[in-house]
Amino acid sequence: MNLNEESLKKIADLAKLRIRSEEVGPFLQDFNKILNYVDTIKELDVSSITEDDLYPDLGNSVRHDKIEYGLTRQEIESFAPSFQNGYFVVPKVIET
């Protein structure tokens, strides 16, 4: 499959790209190389490849729940620039 200049301009327009006239030739060459490579890949026989071949080490990734150390309120308060009545105080963003 080869892309022509009209198709390239349409794709560029859809992608909101501006391609200068001196860039059309190099873009067409690069695009056509990519399309030819994709065509080559499409021809590969992958019927014997299973999902296990693609993802051999996938297992159950659920971790065990265990009680671990957490931060105390005092430690959390020490990180915050401003902390009042158990809440972080942040600058007002929306005026009401």
PDB file of N, CA and C in Angstrom:
ATOM      1  N   MET A   1       0.853  -1.182   0.000  1.00  0.00           N
ATOM      2  CA  MET A   1       0.000   0.000   0.000  1.00  0.00           C
ATOM      3  C   MET A   1       0.894   1.239   0.000  1.00  0.00           C
ATOM      4  N   ASN A   2       0.603   2.157  -0.870  1.00  0.00           N
ATOM      5  CA  ASN A   2       1.356   3.408  -0.922  1.00  0.00           C
ATOM      6  C   ASN A   2       0.415   4.584  -0.728  1.00  0.00           C
ATOM      7  N   LEU A   3       0.859   5.499   0.063  1.00  0.00           N
ATOM      8  CA  LEU A   3       0.105   6.705   0.360  1.00  0.00           C
ATOM      9  C   LEU A   3       0.444   7.767  -0.671  1.00  0.00           C
ATOM     10  N   ASN A   4      -0.565   8.501  -1.136  1.00  0.00           N
ATOM     11  CA  ASN A   4      -0.295   9.581  -2.073  1.00  0.00           C
ATOM     12  C   ASN A   4      -0.365  10.928  -1.343  1.00  0.00           C
ATOM     13  N   GLU A   5      -0.005  11.978  -2.051  1.00  0.00           N
ATOM     14  CA  GLU A   5       0.068  13.310  -1.447  1.00  0.00           C
ATOM     15  C   GLU A   5      -1.291  13.775  -0.927  1.00  0.00           C
ATOM     16  N   GLU A   6      -2.350  13.475  -1.655  1.00  0.00           N
ATOM     17  CA  GLU A   6      -3.700  13.881  -1.233  1.00  0.00           C
ATOM     18  C   GLU A   6      -4.092  13.203   0.088  1.00  0.00           C
ATOM     19  N   SER A   7      -3.810  11.903   0.197  1.00  0.00           N
ATOM     20  CA  SER A   7      -4.124  11.170   1.427  1.00  0.00           C
ATOM     21  C   SER A   7      -3.300  11.688   2.605  1.00  0.00           C
ATOM     22  N   LEU A   8      -2.033  12.000   2.331  1.00  0.00           N
ATOM     23  CA  LEU A   8      -1.170  12.537   3.381  1.00  0.00           C
ATOM     24  C   LEU A   8      -1.720  13.862   3.910  1.00  0.00           C
ATOM     25  N   LYS A   9      -2.162  14.727   3.001  1.00  0.00           N
ATOM     26  CA  LYS A   9      -2.709  16.018   3.421  1.00  0.00           C
ATOM     27  C   LYS A   9      -3.999  15.834   4.219  1.00  0.00           C
ATOM     28  N   LYS A  10      -4.805  14.854   3.831  1.00  0.00           N
ATOM     29  CA  LYS A  10      -6.048  14.587   4.560  1.00  0.00           C
ATOM     30  C   LYS A  10      -5.743  14.090   5.979  1.00  0.00           C
ATOM     31  N   ILE A  11      -4.780  13.175   6.091  1.00  0.00           N
ATOM     32  CA  ILE A  11      -4.378  12.659   7.407  1.00  0.00           C
ATOM     33  C   ILE A  11      -3.816  13.794   8.262  1.00  0.00           C
ATOM     34  N   ALA A  12      -2.977  14.626   7.669  1.00  0.00           N
ATOM     35  CA  ALA A  12      -2.391  15.756   8.397  1.00  0.00           C
ATOM     36  C   ALA A  12      -3.491  16.696   8.877  1.00  0.00           C
ATOM     37  N   ASP A  13      -4.486  16.937   8.042  1.00  0.00           N
ATOM     38  CA  ASP A  13      -5.600  17.811   8.416  1.00  0.00           C
ATOM     39  C   ASP A  13      -6.385  17.209   9.576  1.00  0.00           C
ATOM     40  N   LEU A  14      -6.665  15.916   9.512  1.00  0.00           N
ATOM     41  CA  LEU A  14      -7.392  15.256  10.596  1.00  0.00           C
ATOM     42  C   LEU A  14      -6.609  15.291  11.910  1.00  0.00           C
ATOM     43  N   ALA A  15      -5.279  15.208  11.796  1.00  0.00           N
ATOM     44  CA  ALA A  15      -4.419  15.233  12.983  1.00  0.00           C
ATOM     45  C   ALA A  15      -4.060  16.647  13.406  1.00  0.00           C
ATOM     46  N   LYS A  16      -4.608  17.628  12.711  1.00  0.00           N
ATOM     47  CA  LYS A  16      -4.341  19.040  13.002  1.00  0.00           C
ATOM     48  C   LYS A  16      -2.855  19.365  12.894  1.00  0.00           C
ATOM     49  N   LEU A  17      -2.214  18.795  11.859  1.00  0.00           N
ATOM     50  CA  LEU A  17      -0.800  19.051  11.604  1.00  0.00           C
ATOM     51  C   LEU A  17      -0.661  19.927  10.373  1.00  0.00           C
ATOM     52  N   ARG A  18       0.296  20.817  10.415  1.00  0.00           N
ATOM     53  CA  ARG A  18       0.615  21.626   9.242  1.00  0.00           C
ATOM     54  C   ARG A  18       1.885  21.077   8.620  1.00  0.00           C
ATOM     55  N   ILE A  19       1.792  20.674   7.369  1.00  0.00           N
ATOM     56  CA  ILE A  19       2.963  20.152   6.663  1.00  0.00           C
ATOM     57  C   ILE A  19       3.311  21.146   5.554  1.00  0.00           C
ATOM     58  N   ARG A  20       4.514  21.668   5.627  1.00  0.00           N
ATOM     59  CA  ARG A  20       4.971  22.601   4.583  1.00  0.00           C
ATOM     60  C   ARG A  20       5.226  21.819   3.295  1.00  0.00           C
ATOM     61  N   SER A  21       5.167  22.519   2.175  1.00  0.00           N
ATOM     62  CA  SER A  21       5.302  21.849   0.870  1.00  0.00           C
ATOM     63  C   SER A  21       6.635  21.109   0.740  1.00  0.00           C
ATOM     64  N   GLU A  22       7.710  21.663   1.330  1.00  0.00           N
ATOM     65  CA  GLU A  22       9.008  20.977   1.227  1.00  0.00           C
ATOM     66  C   GLU A  22       9.094  19.738   2.120  1.00  0.00           C
ATOM     67  N   GLU A  23       8.129  19.577   3.038  1.00  0.00           N
ATOM     68  CA  GLU A  23       8.121  18.412   3.922  1.00  0.00           C
ATOM     69  C   GLU A  23       7.291  17.261   3.366  1.00  0.00           C
ATOM     70  N   VAL A  24       6.473  17.507   2.357  1.00  0.00           N
ATOM     71  CA  VAL A  24       5.570  16.481   1.834  1.00  0.00           C
ATOM     72  C   VAL A  24       6.335  15.260   1.339  1.00  0.00           C
ATOM     73  N   GLY A  25       7.376  15.474   0.543  1.00  0.00           N
ATOM     74  CA  GLY A  25       8.153  14.348  -0.001  1.00  0.00           C
ATOM     75  C   GLY A  25       8.751  13.454   1.083  1.00  0.00           C
ATOM     76  N   PRO A  26       9.507  14.032   2.041  1.00  0.00           N
ATOM     77  CA  PRO A  26      10.066  13.187   3.106  1.00  0.00           C
ATOM     78  C   PRO A  26       8.995  12.495   3.953  1.00  0.00           C
ATOM     79  N   PHE A  27       7.888  13.201   4.211  1.00  0.00           N
ATOM     80  CA  PHE A  27       6.807  12.581   4.985  1.00  0.00           C
ATOM     81  C   PHE A  27       6.220  11.397   4.226  1.00  0.00           C
ATOM     82  N   LEU A  28       6.005  11.564   2.928  1.00  0.00           N
ATOM     83  CA  LEU A  28       5.465  10.463   2.120  1.00  0.00           C
ATOM     84  C   LEU A  28       6.393   9.261   2.134  1.00  0.00           C
ATOM     85  N   GLN A  29       7.700   9.508   2.000  1.00  0.00           N
ATOM     86  CA  GLN A  29       8.664   8.397   2.032  1.00  0.00           C
ATOM     87  C   GLN A  29       8.598   7.662   3.372  1.00  0.00           C
ATOM     88  N   ASP A  30       8.618   8.427   4.468  1.00  0.00           N
ATOM     89  CA  ASP A  30       8.586   7.805   5.794  1.00  0.00           C
ATOM     90  C   ASP A  30       7.283   7.046   6.021  1.00  0.00           C
ATOM     91  N   PHE A  31       6.174   7.674   5.662  1.00  0.00           N
ATOM     92  CA  PHE A  31       4.872   7.032   5.840  1.00  0.00           C
ATOM     93  C   PHE A  31       4.798   5.727   5.054  1.00  0.00           C
ATOM     94  N   ASN A  32       5.258   5.770   3.804  1.00  0.00           N
ATOM     95  CA  ASN A  32       5.205   4.576   2.969  1.00  0.00           C
ATOM     96  C   ASN A  32       6.122   3.481   3.478  1.00  0.00           C
ATOM     97  N   LYS A  33       7.272   3.834   4.053  1.00  0.00           N
ATOM     98  CA  LYS A  33       8.142   2.829   4.680  1.00  0.00           C
ATOM     99  C   LYS A  33       7.422   2.150   5.836  1.00  0.00           C
ATOM    100  N   ILE A  34       6.735   2.951   6.645  1.00  0.00           N
ATOM    101  CA  ILE A  34       5.997   2.398   7.786  1.00  0.00           C
ATOM    102  C   ILE A  34       4.880   1.475   7.299  1.00  0.00           C
ATOM    103  N   LEU A  35       4.122   1.923   6.297  1.00  0.00           N
ATOM    104  CA  LEU A  35       3.030   1.100   5.780  1.00  0.00           C
ATOM    105  C   LEU A  35       3.541  -0.197   5.178  1.00  0.00           C
ATOM    106  N   ASN A  36       4.661  -0.138   4.471  1.00  0.00           N
ATOM    107  CA  ASN A  36       5.245  -1.358   3.913  1.00  0.00           C
ATOM    108  C   ASN A  36       5.712  -2.307   5.007  1.00  0.00           C
ATOM    109  N   TYR A  37       6.259  -1.761   6.070  1.00  0.00           N
ATOM    110  CA  TYR A  37       6.697  -2.596   7.190  1.00  0.00           C
ATOM    111  C   TYR A  37       5.493  -3.275   7.845  1.00  0.00           C
ATOM    112  N   VAL A  38       4.404  -2.530   8.008  1.00  0.00           N
ATOM    113  CA  VAL A  38       3.184  -3.111   8.581  1.00  0.00           C
ATOM    114  C   VAL A  38       2.668  -4.227   7.677  1.00  0.00           C
ATOM    115  N   ASP A  39       2.695  -4.029   6.377  1.00  0.00           N
ATOM    116  CA  ASP A  39       2.279  -5.082   5.441  1.00  0.00           C
ATOM    117  C   ASP A  39       3.143  -6.327   5.601  1.00  0.00           C
ATOM    118  N   THR A  40       4.443  -6.137   5.806  1.00  0.00           N
ATOM    119  CA  THR A  40       5.350  -7.266   6.022  1.00  0.00           C
ATOM    120  C   THR A  40       4.983  -8.013   7.299  1.00  0.00           C
ATOM    121  N   ILE A  41       4.690  -7.277   8.341  1.00  0.00           N
ATOM    122  CA  ILE A  41       4.323  -7.904   9.612  1.00  0.00           C
ATOM    123  C   ILE A  41       3.005  -8.670   9.487  1.00  0.00           C
ATOM    124  N   LYS A  42       2.070  -8.133   8.712  1.00  0.00           N
ATOM    125  CA  LYS A  42       0.774  -8.804   8.514  1.00  0.00           C
ATOM    126  C   LYS A  42       0.936 -10.184   7.886  1.00  0.00           C
ATOM    127  N   GLU A  43       2.000 -10.371   7.115  1.00  0.00           N
ATOM    128  CA  GLU A  43       2.217 -11.639   6.421  1.00  0.00           C
ATOM    129  C   GLU A  43       2.766 -12.734   7.336  1.00  0.00           C
ATOM    130  N   LEU A  44       3.214 -12.396   8.519  1.00  0.00           N
ATOM    131  CA  LEU A  44       3.786 -13.391   9.419  1.00  0.00           C
ATOM    132  C   LEU A  44       2.720 -14.376   9.890  1.00  0.00           C
ATOM    133  N   ASP A  45       3.113 -15.637   9.999  1.00  0.00           N
ATOM    134  CA  ASP A  45       2.205 -16.667  10.504  1.00  0.00           C
ATOM    135  C   ASP A  45       2.341 -16.729  12.021  1.00  0.00           C
ATOM    136  N   VAL A  46       1.316 -16.285  12.710  1.00  0.00           N
ATOM    137  CA  VAL A  46       1.337 -16.271  14.170  1.00  0.00           C
ATOM    138  C   VAL A  46       0.305 -17.238  14.749  1.00  0.00           C
ATOM    139  N   SER A  47      -0.190 -18.145  13.924  1.00  0.00           N
ATOM    140  CA  SER A  47      -1.242 -19.059  14.359  1.00  0.00           C
ATOM    141  C   SER A  47      -0.778 -20.004  15.468  1.00  0.00           C
ATOM    142  N   SER A  48       0.523 -20.267  15.547  1.00  0.00           N
ATOM    143  CA  SER A  48       1.012 -21.204  16.567  1.00  0.00           C
ATOM    144  C   SER A  48       1.357 -20.511  17.887  1.00  0.00           C
ATOM    145  N   ILE A  49       1.254 -19.191  17.935  1.00  0.00           N
ATOM    146  CA  ILE A  49       1.584 -18.458  19.155  1.00  0.00           C
ATOM    147  C   ILE A  49       0.364 -18.392  20.057  1.00  0.00           C
ATOM    148  N   THR A  50       0.552 -18.806  21.302  1.00  0.00           N
ATOM    149  CA  THR A  50      -0.551 -18.784  22.266  1.00  0.00           C
ATOM    150  C   THR A  50      -0.385 -17.605  23.217  1.00  0.00           C
ATOM    151  N   GLU A  51      -1.421 -17.359  23.979  1.00  0.00           N
ATOM    152  CA  GLU A  51      -1.359 -16.264  24.948  1.00  0.00           C
ATOM    153  C   GLU A  51      -0.281 -16.531  26.003  1.00  0.00           C
ATOM    154  N   ASP A  52      -0.057 -17.799  26.320  1.00  0.00           N
ATOM    155  CA  ASP A  52       0.998 -18.144  27.283  1.00  0.00           C
ATOM    156  C   ASP A  52       2.385 -17.803  26.755  1.00  0.00           C
ATOM    157  N   ASP A  53       2.555 -17.839  25.438  1.00  0.00           N
ATOM    158  CA  ASP A  53       3.834 -17.458  24.847  1.00  0.00           C
ATOM    159  C   ASP A  53       4.066 -15.954  24.994  1.00  0.00           C
ATOM    160  N   LEU A  54       2.990 -15.196  24.917  1.00  0.00           N
ATOM    161  CA  LEU A  54       3.103 -13.741  25.004  1.00  0.00           C
ATOM    162  C   LEU A  54       3.302 -13.262  26.444  1.00  0.00           C
ATOM    163  N   TYR A  55       2.629 -13.915  27.374  1.00  0.00           N
ATOM    164  CA  TYR A  55       2.656 -13.493  28.782  1.00  0.00           C
ATOM    165  C   TYR A  55       2.978 -14.685  29.669  1.00  0.00           C
ATOM    166  N   PRO A  56       4.215 -15.175  29.651  1.00  0.00           N
ATOM    167  CA  PRO A  56       4.535 -16.418  30.367  1.00  0.00           C
ATOM    168  C   PRO A  56       4.519 -16.297  31.886  1.00  0.00           C
ATOM    169  N   ASP A  57       4.802 -15.130  32.433  1.00  0.00           N
ATOM    170  CA  ASP A  57       4.949 -15.023  33.879  1.00  0.00           C
ATOM    171  C   ASP A  57       3.732 -14.442  34.578  1.00  0.00           C
ATOM    172  N   LEU A  58       2.610 -14.403  33.890  1.00  0.00           N
ATOM    173  CA  LEU A  58       1.429 -13.863  34.541  1.00  0.00           C
ATOM    174  C   LEU A  58       0.862 -14.898  35.491  1.00  0.00           C
ATOM    175  N   GLY A  59       0.715 -14.501  36.696  1.00  0.00           N
ATOM    176  CA  GLY A  59       0.094 -15.355  37.691  1.00  0.00           C
ATOM    177  C   GLY A  59      -0.839 -14.496  38.511  1.00  0.00           C
ATOM    178  N   ASN A  60      -1.353 -15.047  39.542  1.00  0.00           N
ATOM    179  CA  ASN A  60      -2.241 -14.286  40.404  1.00  0.00           C
ATOM    180  C   ASN A  60      -1.404 -13.239  41.132  1.00  0.00           C
ATOM    181  N   SER A  61      -1.702 -11.986  40.884  1.00  0.00           N
ATOM    182  CA  SER A  61      -0.892 -10.926  41.467  1.00  0.00           C
ATOM    183  C   SER A  61      -1.555 -10.281  42.676  1.00  0.00           C
ATOM    184  N   VAL A  62      -2.503 -10.981  43.284  1.00  0.00           N
ATOM    185  CA  VAL A  62      -3.172 -10.444  44.460  1.00  0.00           C
ATOM    186  C   VAL A  62      -2.214 -10.535  45.640  1.00  0.00           C
ATOM    187  N   ARG A  63      -2.059  -9.435  46.355  1.00  0.00           N
ATOM    188  CA  ARG A  63      -1.173  -9.473  47.513  1.00  0.00           C
ATOM    189  C   ARG A  63      -1.996  -9.751  48.769  1.00  0.00           C
ATOM    190  N   HIS A  64      -1.340 -10.245  49.756  1.00  0.00           N
ATOM    191  CA  HIS A  64      -2.004 -10.554  51.021  1.00  0.00           C
ATOM    192  C   HIS A  64      -2.189  -9.285  51.834  1.00  0.00           C
ATOM    193  N   ASP A  65      -3.353  -9.179  52.467  1.00  0.00           N
ATOM    194  CA  ASP A  65      -3.588  -8.054  53.361  1.00  0.00           C
ATOM    195  C   ASP A  65      -2.873  -8.321  54.669  1.00  0.00           C
ATOM    196  N   LYS A  66      -2.089  -7.369  55.075  1.00  0.00           N
ATOM    197  CA  LYS A  66      -1.446  -7.506  56.374  1.00  0.00           C
ATOM    198  C   LYS A  66      -1.348  -6.136  57.007  1.00  0.00           C
ATOM    199  N   ILE A  67      -1.443  -6.123  58.296  1.00  0.00           N
ATOM    200  CA  ILE A  67      -1.391  -4.883  59.040  1.00  0.00           C
ATOM    201  C   ILE A  67       0.055  -4.417  59.072  1.00  0.00           C
ATOM    202  N   GLU A  68       0.259  -3.177  58.653  1.00  0.00           N
ATOM    203  CA  GLU A  68       1.594  -2.617  58.641  1.00  0.00           C
ATOM    204  C   GLU A  68       1.580  -1.265  59.330  1.00  0.00           C
ATOM    205  N   TYR A  69       2.756  -0.751  59.558  1.00  0.00           N
ATOM    206  CA  TYR A  69       2.920   0.546  60.183  1.00  0.00           C
ATOM    207  C   TYR A  69       2.285   1.629  59.331  1.00  0.00           C
ATOM    208  N   GLY A  70       1.565   2.538  59.957  1.00  0.00           N
ATOM    209  CA  GLY A  70       0.991   3.675  59.278  1.00  0.00           C
ATOM    210  C   GLY A  70       1.449   4.947  59.975  1.00  0.00           C
ATOM    211  N   LEU A  71       1.185   6.065  59.364  1.00  0.00           N
ATOM    212  CA  LEU A  71       1.584   7.340  59.952  1.00  0.00           C
ATOM    213  C   LEU A  71       0.615   7.748  61.054  1.00  0.00           C
ATOM    214  N   THR A  72       1.153   8.350  62.089  1.00  0.00           N
ATOM    215  CA  THR A  72       0.293   8.881  63.155  1.00  0.00           C
ATOM    216  C   THR A  72      -0.210  10.252  62.729  1.00  0.00           C
ATOM    217  N   ARG A  73      -1.237  10.739  63.403  1.00  0.00           N
ATOM    218  CA  ARG A  73      -1.778  12.059  63.081  1.00  0.00           C
ATOM    219  C   ARG A  73      -0.705  13.130  63.247  1.00  0.00           C
ATOM    220  N   GLN A  74       0.139  12.995  64.263  1.00  0.00           N
ATOM    221  CA  GLN A  74       1.194  13.984  64.479  1.00  0.00           C
ATOM    222  C   GLN A  74       2.190  13.994  63.310  1.00  0.00           C
ATOM    223  N   GLU A  75       2.518  12.824  62.797  1.00  0.00           N
ATOM    224  CA  GLU A  75       3.427  12.753  61.663  1.00  0.00           C
ATOM    225  C   GLU A  75       2.799  13.389  60.418  1.00  0.00           C
ATOM    226  N   ILE A  76       1.518  13.126  60.209  1.00  0.00           N
ATOM    227  CA  ILE A  76       0.822  13.719  59.061  1.00  0.00           C
ATOM    228  C   ILE A  76       0.782  15.231  59.216  1.00  0.00           C
ATOM    229  N   GLU A  77       0.472  15.706  60.416  1.00  0.00           N
ATOM    230  CA  GLU A  77       0.422  17.146  60.660  1.00  0.00           C
ATOM    231  C   GLU A  77       1.776  17.798  60.416  1.00  0.00           C
ATOM    232  N   SER A  78       2.855  17.081  60.704  1.00  0.00           N
ATOM    233  CA  SER A  78       4.183  17.657  60.526  1.00  0.00           C
ATOM    234  C   SER A  78       4.529  17.856  59.037  1.00  0.00           C
ATOM    235  N   PHE A  79       3.909  17.085  58.144  1.00  0.00           N
ATOM    236  CA  PHE A  79       4.158  17.220  56.703  1.00  0.00           C
ATOM    237  C   PHE A  79       3.381  18.382  56.101  1.00  0.00           C
ATOM    238  N   ALA A  80       2.231  18.690  56.698  1.00  0.00           N
ATOM    239  CA  ALA A  80       1.319  19.679  56.096  1.00  0.00           C
ATOM    240  C   ALA A  80       1.758  21.090  56.439  1.00  0.00           C
ATOM    241  N   PRO A  81       1.692  21.999  55.455  1.00  0.00           N
ATOM    242  CA  PRO A  81       2.006  23.395  55.746  1.00  0.00           C
ATOM    243  C   PRO A  81       0.990  23.988  56.719  1.00  0.00           C
ATOM    244  N   SER A  82      -0.267  23.513  56.616  1.00  0.00           N
ATOM    245  CA  SER A  82      -1.307  24.007  57.513  1.00  0.00           C
ATOM    246  C   SER A  82      -2.306  22.882  57.763  1.00  0.00           C
ATOM    247  N   PHE A  83      -2.603  22.656  59.035  1.00  0.00           N
ATOM    248  CA  PHE A  83      -3.466  21.549  59.431  1.00  0.00           C
ATOM    249  C   PHE A  83      -4.332  22.042  60.584  1.00  0.00           C
ATOM    250  N   GLN A  84      -5.667  21.976  60.445  1.00  0.00           N
ATOM    251  CA  GLN A  84      -6.572  22.446  61.506  1.00  0.00           C
ATOM    252  C   GLN A  84      -7.706  21.461  61.702  1.00  0.00           C
ATOM    253  N   ASN A  85      -8.005  21.146  62.933  1.00  0.00           N
ATOM    254  CA  ASN A  85      -9.134  20.276  63.294  1.00  0.00           C
ATOM    255  C   ASN A  85      -9.139  18.956  62.519  1.00  0.00           C
ATOM    256  N   GLY A  86      -7.960  18.392  62.277  1.00  0.00           N
ATOM    257  CA  GLY A  86      -7.862  17.106  61.590  1.00  0.00           C
ATOM    258  C   GLY A  86      -7.911  17.190  60.079  1.00  0.00           C
ATOM    259  N   TYR A  87      -7.836  18.404  59.496  1.00  0.00           N
ATOM    260  CA  TYR A  87      -7.910  18.581  58.048  1.00  0.00           C
ATOM    261  C   TYR A  87      -6.717  19.377  57.531  1.00  0.00           C
ATOM    262  N   PHE A  88      -6.348  19.085  56.285  1.00  0.00           N
ATOM    263  CA  PHE A  88      -5.352  19.913  55.610  1.00  0.00           C
ATOM    264  C   PHE A  88      -6.022  21.236  55.233  1.00  0.00           C
ATOM    265  N   VAL A  89      -5.328  22.336  55.447  1.00  0.00           N
ATOM    266  CA  VAL A  89      -5.847  23.636  55.042  1.00  0.00           C
ATOM    267  C   VAL A  89      -5.074  24.049  53.791  1.00  0.00           C
ATOM    268  N   VAL A  90      -5.838  24.325  52.732  1.00  0.00           N
ATOM    269  CA  VAL A  90      -5.238  24.705  51.454  1.00  0.00           C
ATOM    270  C   VAL A  90      -5.799  26.055  51.015  1.00  0.00           C
ATOM    271  N   PRO A  91      -5.095  26.741  50.128  1.00  0.00           N
ATOM    272  CA  PRO A  91      -5.606  28.012  49.649  1.00  0.00           C
ATOM    273  C   PRO A  91      -6.931  27.829  48.897  1.00  0.00           C
ATOM    274  N   LYS A  92      -7.788  28.826  49.007  1.00  0.00           N
ATOM    275  CA  LYS A  92      -9.080  28.784  48.325  1.00  0.00           C
ATOM    276  C   LYS A  92      -8.831  28.879  46.819  1.00  0.00           C
ATOM    277  N   VAL A  93      -9.499  28.005  46.053  1.00  0.00           N
ATOM    278  CA  VAL A  93      -9.318  27.983  44.618  1.00  0.00           C
ATOM    279  C   VAL A  93     -10.524  28.601  43.911  1.00  0.00           C
ATOM    280  N   ILE A  94     -11.685  28.330  44.420  1.00  0.00           N
ATOM    281  CA  ILE A  94     -12.911  28.818  43.787  1.00  0.00           C
ATOM    282  C   ILE A  94     -13.551  29.845  44.711  1.00  0.00           C
ATOM    283  N   GLU A  95     -13.809  30.995  44.187  1.00  0.00           N
ATOM    284  CA  GLU A  95     -14.481  32.038  44.954  1.00  0.00           C
ATOM    285  C   GLU A  95     -15.984  31.816  44.879  1.00  0.00           C
ATOM    286  N   THR A  96     -16.651  31.900  46.009  1.00  0.00           N
ATOM    287  CA  THR A  96     -18.110  31.740  46.003  1.00  0.00           C
ATOM    288  C   THR A  96     -18.804  33.018  46.390  1.00  0.00           C
TER     289      THR A  96
END
